[in-house]
Amino acid sequence: MILFSLLRKGVVCTALASLFFGSAWAHHGWNWAEQAQMRLTGTVKVVQMAPPHPRLEVETPDGIWRVELANPSQTLRAGFVETSAKPGDSVIAIGNRAKNRAEMRMKAVQITVEGKTYDLYPERIEKAR
């Protein structure tokens, strides 16, 4: 009976872990984003440094875009900290937009805030930019 109870709990824990890590894996990958990179120019509305990814909300003529940065430690290694951008700052983001065009969302590989550039994913920056 105890063995059955432990087994059942193990199955539930395994299922929950696979749901959590499965969605985390999907979120952290690049398969949701287009292959080609784009350039987005706008004004910072919100800076959020909370996991799983720091992000900027950027106002453009098309609306508000969610610009996801690298994971927190990689974003910090790029030199970008919470005070690197503030609402009202001009920003240029280079990155990959969501395949779902209804989402105004991109994964940035490089951002420039008020003239200072941060290479979040240097190996992914297209040379033509």
N, C-alpha and C. Protein backbone atom coordinates (compact mmCIF):
# COMPACT_ATOMS: atom_id res chain seq x y z
N MET A 1 0.82 -1.19 0.00
CA MET A 1 0.00 0.00 0.00
C MET A 1 0.87 1.26 0.00
N ILE A 2 1.90 1.26 0.87
CA ILE A 2 2.80 2.41 0.92
C ILE A 2 3.55 2.54 -0.39
N LEU A 3 3.98 1.42 -0.95
CA LEU A 3 4.68 1.44 -2.23
C LEU A 3 3.80 2.01 -3.33
N PHE A 4 2.53 1.61 -3.36
CA PHE A 4 1.59 2.12 -4.35
C PHE A 4 1.41 3.63 -4.20
N SER A 5 1.29 4.10 -2.96
CA SER A 5 1.12 5.52 -2.69
C SER A 5 2.34 6.31 -3.16
N LEU A 6 3.54 5.80 -2.85
CA LEU A 6 4.76 6.47 -3.30
C LEU A 6 4.87 6.48 -4.81
N LEU A 7 4.50 5.36 -5.42
CA LEU A 7 4.55 5.28 -6.88
C LEU A 7 3.60 6.28 -7.50
N ARG A 8 2.41 6.39 -6.95
CA ARG A 8 1.41 7.32 -7.47
C ARG A 8 1.92 8.76 -7.32
N LYS A 9 2.51 9.08 -6.17
CA LYS A 9 3.06 10.41 -5.96
C LYS A 9 4.20 10.67 -6.94
N GLY A 10 5.00 9.65 -7.19
CA GLY A 10 6.10 9.78 -8.14
C GLY A 10 5.60 10.07 -9.54
N VAL A 11 4.51 9.40 -9.93
CA VAL A 11 3.93 9.63 -11.25
C VAL A 11 3.41 11.06 -11.35
N VAL A 12 2.74 11.52 -10.31
CA VAL A 12 2.22 12.89 -10.31
C VAL A 12 3.37 13.89 -10.37
N CYS A 13 4.41 13.67 -9.58
CA CYS A 13 5.57 14.58 -9.59
C CYS A 13 6.25 14.57 -10.95
N THR A 14 6.39 13.40 -11.55
CA THR A 14 7.00 13.31 -12.87
C THR A 14 6.17 14.05 -13.90
N ALA A 15 4.86 13.90 -13.84
CA ALA A 15 3.97 14.59 -14.78
C ALA A 15 4.07 16.10 -14.62
N LEU A 16 4.06 16.55 -13.36
CA LEU A 16 4.17 17.99 -13.12
C LEU A 16 5.52 18.52 -13.58
N ALA A 17 6.57 17.78 -13.31
CA ALA A 17 7.91 18.21 -13.74
C ALA A 17 8.00 18.29 -15.25
N SER A 18 7.43 17.30 -15.94
CA SER A 18 7.51 17.33 -17.40
C SER A 18 6.70 18.49 -17.96
N LEU A 19 5.57 18.82 -17.33
CA LEU A 19 4.80 19.99 -17.78
C LEU A 19 5.60 21.26 -17.57
N PHE A 20 6.19 21.40 -16.38
CA PHE A 20 6.96 22.60 -16.07
C PHE A 20 8.18 22.72 -16.96
N PHE A 21 9.00 21.67 -16.98
CA PHE A 21 10.23 21.74 -17.75
C PHE A 21 9.96 21.71 -19.24
N GLY A 22 8.90 21.06 -19.65
CA GLY A 22 8.54 21.06 -21.08
C GLY A 22 8.19 22.45 -21.54
N SER A 23 7.37 23.16 -20.75
CA SER A 23 7.00 24.52 -21.14
C SER A 23 8.19 25.46 -20.98
N ALA A 24 9.02 25.22 -19.97
CA ALA A 24 10.21 26.06 -19.81
C ALA A 24 11.16 25.85 -20.98
N TRP A 25 11.32 24.62 -21.43
CA TRP A 25 12.18 24.34 -22.57
C TRP A 25 11.65 25.03 -23.81
N ALA A 26 10.34 24.93 -24.03
CA ALA A 26 9.74 25.56 -25.21
C ALA A 26 9.92 27.08 -25.14
N HIS A 27 9.77 27.64 -23.95
CA HIS A 27 9.90 29.08 -23.79
C HIS A 27 11.34 29.53 -24.04
N HIS A 28 12.30 28.75 -23.55
CA HIS A 28 13.68 29.16 -23.64
C HIS A 28 14.31 28.90 -25.00
N GLY A 29 13.69 28.09 -25.81
CA GLY A 29 14.24 27.84 -27.13
C GLY A 29 13.93 28.98 -28.08
N TRP A 30 14.30 28.79 -29.32
CA TRP A 30 14.08 29.80 -30.35
C TRP A 30 13.03 29.35 -31.36
N ASN A 31 12.43 28.19 -31.17
CA ASN A 31 11.52 27.66 -32.19
C ASN A 31 10.25 28.49 -32.34
N TRP A 32 9.93 29.33 -31.40
CA TRP A 32 8.74 30.18 -31.48
C TRP A 32 9.01 31.44 -32.32
N ALA A 33 10.29 31.68 -32.62
CA ALA A 33 10.67 32.92 -33.31
C ALA A 33 11.04 32.66 -34.76
N GLU A 34 10.84 33.68 -35.58
CA GLU A 34 11.22 33.59 -36.99
C GLU A 34 12.74 33.49 -37.13
N GLN A 35 13.17 32.93 -38.24
CA GLN A 35 14.61 32.78 -38.53
C GLN A 35 15.25 34.14 -38.80
N ALA A 36 14.59 34.95 -39.60
CA ALA A 36 15.15 36.25 -39.99
C ALA A 36 15.06 37.24 -38.84
N GLN A 37 16.03 38.13 -38.78
CA GLN A 37 16.03 39.15 -37.75
C GLN A 37 15.39 40.43 -38.26
N MET A 38 14.91 41.21 -37.32
CA MET A 38 14.28 42.48 -37.63
C MET A 38 14.85 43.56 -36.72
N ARG A 39 14.58 44.78 -37.09
CA ARG A 39 15.01 45.94 -36.30
C ARG A 39 13.74 46.64 -35.81
N LEU A 40 13.70 46.90 -34.52
CA LEU A 40 12.55 47.56 -33.90
C LEU A 40 13.04 48.82 -33.22
N THR A 41 12.42 49.94 -33.53
CA THR A 41 12.80 51.22 -32.94
C THR A 41 11.61 51.78 -32.18
N GLY A 42 11.84 52.24 -30.97
CA GLY A 42 10.75 52.78 -30.19
C GLY A 42 11.22 53.43 -28.91
N THR A 43 10.28 53.54 -27.97
CA THR A 43 10.53 54.18 -26.69
C THR A 43 10.22 53.19 -25.57
N VAL A 44 11.12 53.09 -24.62
CA VAL A 44 10.92 52.20 -23.48
C VAL A 44 9.73 52.67 -22.66
N LYS A 45 8.82 51.75 -22.40
CA LYS A 45 7.68 52.02 -21.51
C LYS A 45 7.91 51.38 -20.14
N VAL A 46 8.42 50.12 -20.15
CA VAL A 46 8.61 49.37 -18.91
C VAL A 46 9.90 48.57 -19.02
N VAL A 47 10.65 48.50 -17.92
CA VAL A 47 11.82 47.63 -17.81
C VAL A 47 11.50 46.63 -16.71
N GLN A 48 11.61 45.34 -17.04
CA GLN A 48 11.37 44.31 -16.03
C GLN A 48 12.53 43.32 -16.05
N MET A 49 13.18 43.15 -14.92
CA MET A 49 14.35 42.29 -14.83
C MET A 49 14.04 40.92 -14.21
N ALA A 50 12.79 40.61 -13.99
CA ALA A 50 12.40 39.36 -13.34
C ALA A 50 12.57 38.16 -14.27
N PRO A 51 12.90 36.98 -13.71
CA PRO A 51 12.98 35.76 -14.51
C PRO A 51 11.62 35.42 -15.11
N PRO A 52 11.52 34.61 -16.13
CA PRO A 52 12.61 33.84 -16.69
C PRO A 52 13.52 34.67 -17.59
N HIS A 53 13.03 35.77 -18.14
CA HIS A 53 13.87 36.63 -18.97
C HIS A 53 13.56 38.08 -18.65
N PRO A 54 14.59 38.90 -18.45
CA PRO A 54 14.35 40.33 -18.39
C PRO A 54 13.70 40.76 -19.70
N ARG A 55 12.93 41.82 -19.64
CA ARG A 55 12.27 42.28 -20.87
C ARG A 55 11.99 43.77 -20.81
N LEU A 56 11.77 44.29 -21.99
CA LEU A 56 11.36 45.68 -22.14
C LEU A 56 10.00 45.69 -22.81
N GLU A 57 9.17 46.60 -22.41
CA GLU A 57 7.95 46.90 -23.15
C GLU A 57 8.29 48.16 -23.93
N VAL A 58 8.19 48.09 -25.26
CA VAL A 58 8.64 49.17 -26.13
C VAL A 58 7.47 49.69 -26.95
N GLU A 59 7.25 51.00 -26.87
CA GLU A 59 6.18 51.63 -27.65
C GLU A 59 6.71 52.00 -29.02
N THR A 60 6.00 51.55 -30.05
CA THR A 60 6.32 51.87 -31.44
C THR A 60 5.06 52.44 -32.09
N PRO A 61 5.16 52.96 -33.30
CA PRO A 61 3.95 53.42 -33.99
C PRO A 61 2.91 52.30 -34.18
N ASP A 62 3.37 51.03 -34.20
CA ASP A 62 2.46 49.89 -34.37
C ASP A 62 1.81 49.44 -33.08
N GLY A 63 2.30 49.90 -31.93
CA GLY A 63 1.78 49.47 -30.64
C GLY A 63 2.91 49.12 -29.69
N ILE A 64 2.57 48.42 -28.62
CA ILE A 64 3.54 48.05 -27.59
C ILE A 64 4.10 46.66 -27.90
N TRP A 65 5.42 46.57 -27.99
CA TRP A 65 6.11 45.31 -28.23
C TRP A 65 6.74 44.81 -26.94
N ARG A 66 6.73 43.51 -26.77
CA ARG A 66 7.45 42.85 -25.68
C ARG A 66 8.80 42.42 -26.25
N VAL A 67 9.88 42.98 -25.74
CA VAL A 67 11.23 42.67 -26.20
C VAL A 67 11.91 41.86 -25.10
N GLU A 68 12.03 40.56 -25.34
CA GLU A 68 12.67 39.68 -24.36
C GLU A 68 14.17 39.75 -24.53
N LEU A 69 14.86 39.85 -23.40
CA LEU A 69 16.31 39.88 -23.40
C LEU A 69 16.82 38.46 -23.13
N ALA A 70 18.10 38.30 -22.89
CA ALA A 70 18.68 36.98 -22.59
C ALA A 70 18.30 36.58 -21.16
N ASN A 71 18.72 35.38 -20.75
CA ASN A 71 18.46 34.98 -19.37
C ASN A 71 19.14 35.99 -18.44
N PRO A 72 18.72 36.06 -17.17
CA PRO A 72 19.24 37.12 -16.29
C PRO A 72 20.76 37.21 -16.21
N SER A 73 21.46 36.09 -16.06
CA SER A 73 22.91 36.17 -15.92
C SER A 73 23.57 36.60 -17.23
N GLN A 74 23.06 36.14 -18.35
CA GLN A 74 23.62 36.53 -19.65
C GLN A 74 23.35 38.01 -19.93
N THR A 75 22.18 38.48 -19.55
CA THR A 75 21.85 39.90 -19.72
C THR A 75 22.81 40.76 -18.89
N LEU A 76 23.09 40.33 -17.67
CA LEU A 76 24.05 41.05 -16.82
C LEU A 76 25.45 41.02 -17.41
N ARG A 77 25.86 39.85 -17.96
CA ARG A 77 27.19 39.75 -18.59
C ARG A 77 27.31 40.71 -19.77
N ALA A 78 26.20 40.97 -20.44
CA ALA A 78 26.21 41.91 -21.57
C ALA A 78 26.33 43.35 -21.07
N GLY A 79 26.21 43.54 -19.76
CA GLY A 79 26.33 44.88 -19.19
C GLY A 79 25.01 45.56 -18.93
N PHE A 80 23.91 44.89 -19.28
CA PHE A 80 22.59 45.50 -19.11
C PHE A 80 22.07 45.19 -17.70
N VAL A 81 21.81 46.25 -16.94
CA VAL A 81 21.25 46.13 -15.59
C VAL A 81 19.94 46.93 -15.56
N GLU A 82 19.24 46.83 -14.46
CA GLU A 82 17.92 47.46 -14.37
C GLU A 82 17.95 48.95 -14.66
N THR A 83 19.04 49.62 -14.34
CA THR A 83 19.14 51.06 -14.57
C THR A 83 19.69 51.42 -15.95
N SER A 84 19.92 50.41 -16.79
CA SER A 84 20.44 50.67 -18.15
C SER A 84 19.39 51.29 -19.06
N ALA A 85 18.13 51.14 -18.70
CA ALA A 85 17.04 51.72 -19.48
C ALA A 85 15.95 52.18 -18.52
N LYS A 86 15.28 53.23 -18.91
CA LYS A 86 14.17 53.72 -18.10
C LYS A 86 13.06 54.20 -19.04
N PRO A 87 11.84 54.27 -18.54
CA PRO A 87 10.75 54.74 -19.39
C PRO A 87 11.09 56.09 -20.03
N GLY A 88 10.82 56.17 -21.32
CA GLY A 88 11.11 57.39 -22.08
C GLY A 88 12.38 57.31 -22.90
N ASP A 89 13.27 56.35 -22.59
CA ASP A 89 14.50 56.20 -23.35
C ASP A 89 14.22 55.67 -24.75
N SER A 90 15.02 56.12 -25.71
CA SER A 90 14.90 55.56 -27.06
C SER A 90 15.65 54.23 -27.10
N VAL A 91 15.11 53.29 -27.85
CA VAL A 91 15.70 51.96 -27.93
C VAL A 91 15.61 51.44 -29.36
N ILE A 92 16.67 50.74 -29.75
CA ILE A 92 16.68 49.99 -31.01
C ILE A 92 16.96 48.56 -30.62
N ALA A 93 16.09 47.65 -31.02
CA ALA A 93 16.27 46.23 -30.72
C ALA A 93 16.42 45.47 -32.03
N ILE A 94 17.44 44.63 -32.09
CA ILE A 94 17.65 43.72 -33.22
C ILE A 94 17.35 42.33 -32.68
N GLY A 95 16.53 41.59 -33.39
CA GLY A 95 16.20 40.26 -32.90
C GLY A 95 15.21 39.54 -33.79
N ASN A 96 14.66 38.48 -33.25
CA ASN A 96 13.76 37.59 -33.99
C ASN A 96 12.36 37.73 -33.44
N ARG A 97 11.43 38.09 -34.30
CA ARG A 97 10.04 38.27 -33.87
C ARG A 97 9.34 36.93 -33.78
N ALA A 98 8.23 36.92 -33.07
CA ALA A 98 7.42 35.71 -32.92
C ALA A 98 6.86 35.30 -34.28
N LYS A 99 6.87 33.97 -34.53
CA LYS A 99 6.26 33.45 -35.77
C LYS A 99 4.79 33.80 -35.83
N ASN A 100 4.15 33.80 -34.67
CA ASN A 100 2.75 34.19 -34.60
C ASN A 100 2.70 35.71 -34.69
N ARG A 101 2.36 36.22 -35.87
CA ARG A 101 2.39 37.66 -36.12
C ARG A 101 1.37 38.43 -35.29
N ALA A 102 0.41 37.74 -34.67
CA ALA A 102 -0.54 38.41 -33.80
C ALA A 102 0.15 38.86 -32.50
N GLU A 103 1.27 38.21 -32.16
CA GLU A 103 2.05 38.59 -30.99
C GLU A 103 3.03 39.68 -31.36
N MET A 104 3.03 40.74 -30.63
CA MET A 104 4.02 41.80 -30.83
C MET A 104 5.13 41.51 -29.83
N ARG A 105 5.96 40.53 -30.19
CA ARG A 105 6.98 40.00 -29.28
C ARG A 105 8.22 39.64 -30.07
N MET A 106 9.37 39.93 -29.50
CA MET A 106 10.62 39.55 -30.15
C MET A 106 11.64 39.13 -29.10
N LYS A 107 12.57 38.31 -29.53
CA LYS A 107 13.72 37.90 -28.72
C LYS A 107 14.90 38.73 -29.22
N ALA A 108 15.39 39.63 -28.40
CA ALA A 108 16.46 40.53 -28.83
C ALA A 108 17.82 39.83 -28.76
N VAL A 109 18.64 40.06 -29.76
CA VAL A 109 20.03 39.60 -29.74
C VAL A 109 20.95 40.78 -29.42
N GLN A 110 20.46 41.98 -29.69
CA GLN A 110 21.22 43.21 -29.42
C GLN A 110 20.23 44.34 -29.18
N ILE A 111 20.52 45.16 -28.19
CA ILE A 111 19.70 46.36 -27.98
C ILE A 111 20.61 47.56 -27.80
N THR A 112 20.12 48.69 -28.25
CA THR A 112 20.82 49.95 -28.06
C THR A 112 19.86 50.89 -27.36
N VAL A 113 20.28 51.37 -26.19
CA VAL A 113 19.46 52.28 -25.40
C VAL A 113 20.20 53.60 -25.27
N GLU A 114 19.56 54.65 -25.78
CA GLU A 114 20.17 55.99 -25.71
C GLU A 114 21.62 55.97 -26.20
N GLY A 115 21.88 55.22 -27.28
CA GLY A 115 23.20 55.19 -27.90
C GLY A 115 24.18 54.16 -27.35
N LYS A 116 23.84 53.48 -26.25
CA LYS A 116 24.72 52.45 -25.69
C LYS A 116 24.21 51.08 -26.11
N THR A 117 25.12 50.28 -26.70
CA THR A 117 24.73 48.97 -27.26
C THR A 117 25.09 47.83 -26.32
N TYR A 118 24.17 46.88 -26.23
CA TYR A 118 24.35 45.68 -25.41
C TYR A 118 24.17 44.46 -26.32
N ASP A 119 25.21 43.67 -26.44
CA ASP A 119 25.16 42.45 -27.25
C ASP A 119 24.72 41.29 -26.35
N LEU A 120 23.44 40.94 -26.43
CA LEU A 120 22.88 39.90 -25.57
C LEU A 120 23.25 38.50 -26.05
N TYR A 121 23.21 38.30 -27.35
CA TYR A 121 23.59 37.04 -27.99
C TYR A 121 24.55 37.38 -29.13
N PRO A 122 25.81 37.70 -28.83
CA PRO A 122 26.75 38.14 -29.87
C PRO A 122 26.88 37.15 -31.03
N GLU A 123 26.82 35.87 -30.73
CA GLU A 123 26.97 34.85 -31.77
C GLU A 123 25.77 34.79 -32.71
N ARG A 124 24.67 35.40 -32.34
CA ARG A 124 23.46 35.38 -33.16
C ARG A 124 23.22 36.66 -33.94
N ILE A 125 24.01 37.68 -33.70
CA ILE A 125 23.81 38.95 -34.39
C ILE A 125 24.20 38.79 -35.85
N GLU A 126 23.25 39.06 -36.74
CA GLU A 126 23.56 38.96 -38.17
C GLU A 126 24.55 40.04 -38.55
N LYS A 127 25.54 39.68 -39.30
CA LYS A 127 26.62 40.61 -39.66
C LYS A 127 26.14 41.76 -40.54
N ALA A 128 25.06 41.58 -41.28
CA ALA A 128 24.58 42.61 -42.19
C ALA A 128 23.99 43.80 -41.44
N ARG A 129 23.75 43.66 -40.18
CA ARG A 129 23.13 44.73 -39.41
C ARG A 129 24.15 45.78 -39.18
